[in-house]
Amino acid sequence: MNFLRKHWYDIGALLVILILAFVCLDVNRLSHYRLLMWLSLVSLLLHQLEEYRIAGTFPS
């Protein structure tokens, strides 16, 4: 559980890859609203990754 608490944003980065693969495969079947919601989740996860991992850990 400690690993999950310390690396949840890294797991989010893996989810971004999976979500983008899903969206790319089903882009023709997704409505505009669903596409927007999936891409919104991707942007949220990437923002969290940028704040906590790439920028050098926001909380410290």
Protein backbone atom coordinates (compact mmCIF):
# COMPACT_ATOMS: atom_id res chain seq x y z
CA MET A 1 0.00 0.00 0.00
CA ASN A 2 2.95 2.28 0.63
CA PHE A 3 4.05 1.83 -2.99
CA LEU A 4 0.63 2.93 -4.21
CA ARG A 5 0.68 5.99 -1.97
CA LYS A 6 4.12 7.06 -3.20
CA HIS A 7 3.66 6.25 -6.92
CA TRP A 8 -0.02 6.82 -7.79
CA TYR A 9 0.94 9.44 -10.38
CA ASP A 10 3.26 6.96 -12.12
CA ILE A 11 0.40 4.47 -12.32
CA GLY A 12 -1.68 7.30 -13.80
CA ALA A 13 0.94 7.67 -16.53
CA LEU A 14 0.49 4.01 -17.43
CA LEU A 15 -3.26 4.53 -17.49
CA VAL A 16 -2.77 7.42 -19.91
CA ILE A 17 -1.09 5.08 -22.37
CA LEU A 18 -3.90 2.55 -22.05
CA ILE A 19 -6.63 5.18 -22.36
CA LEU A 20 -5.03 6.75 -25.44
CA ALA A 21 -4.70 3.32 -27.06
CA PHE A 22 -8.38 2.65 -26.33
CA VAL A 23 -9.41 6.04 -27.72
CA CYS A 24 -7.32 5.60 -30.86
CA LEU A 25 -8.87 2.21 -31.54
CA ASP A 26 -12.47 3.28 -30.90
CA VAL A 27 -12.40 6.91 -32.03
CA ASN A 28 -15.01 6.30 -34.73
CA ARG A 29 -17.46 4.68 -32.29
CA LEU A 30 -17.11 7.25 -29.51
CA SER A 31 -19.50 10.16 -29.37
CA HIS A 32 -18.00 13.63 -29.17
CA TYR A 33 -18.96 13.86 -25.50
CA ARG A 34 -17.32 10.54 -24.58
CA LEU A 35 -14.21 11.46 -26.52
CA LEU A 36 -14.03 14.75 -24.64
CA MET A 37 -14.44 12.98 -21.30
CA TRP A 38 -11.67 10.45 -22.03
CA LEU A 39 -9.32 13.20 -23.19
CA SER A 40 -10.20 15.25 -20.12
CA LEU A 41 -9.18 12.34 -17.90
CA VAL A 42 -5.93 12.02 -19.86
CA SER A 43 -5.18 15.70 -19.35
CA LEU A 44 -5.90 15.42 -15.61
CA LEU A 45 -3.59 12.42 -15.23
CA LEU A 46 -0.84 14.10 -17.24
CA HIS A 47 -1.18 17.25 -15.16
CA GLN A 48 -0.80 15.24 -11.95
CA LEU A 49 2.25 13.49 -13.39
CA GLU A 50 3.76 16.83 -14.32
CA GLU A 51 3.11 18.32 -10.87
CA TYR A 52 4.37 15.40 -8.80
CA ARG A 53 7.00 13.62 -10.91
CA ILE A 54 8.40 15.75 -13.73
CA ALA A 55 8.60 19.09 -11.93
CA GLY A 56 10.37 17.52 -8.97
CA THR A 57 7.59 16.61 -6.54
CA PHE A 58 5.16 19.42 -5.83
CA PRO A 59 4.57 18.63 -2.12
CA SER A 60 8.18 19.12 -1.10
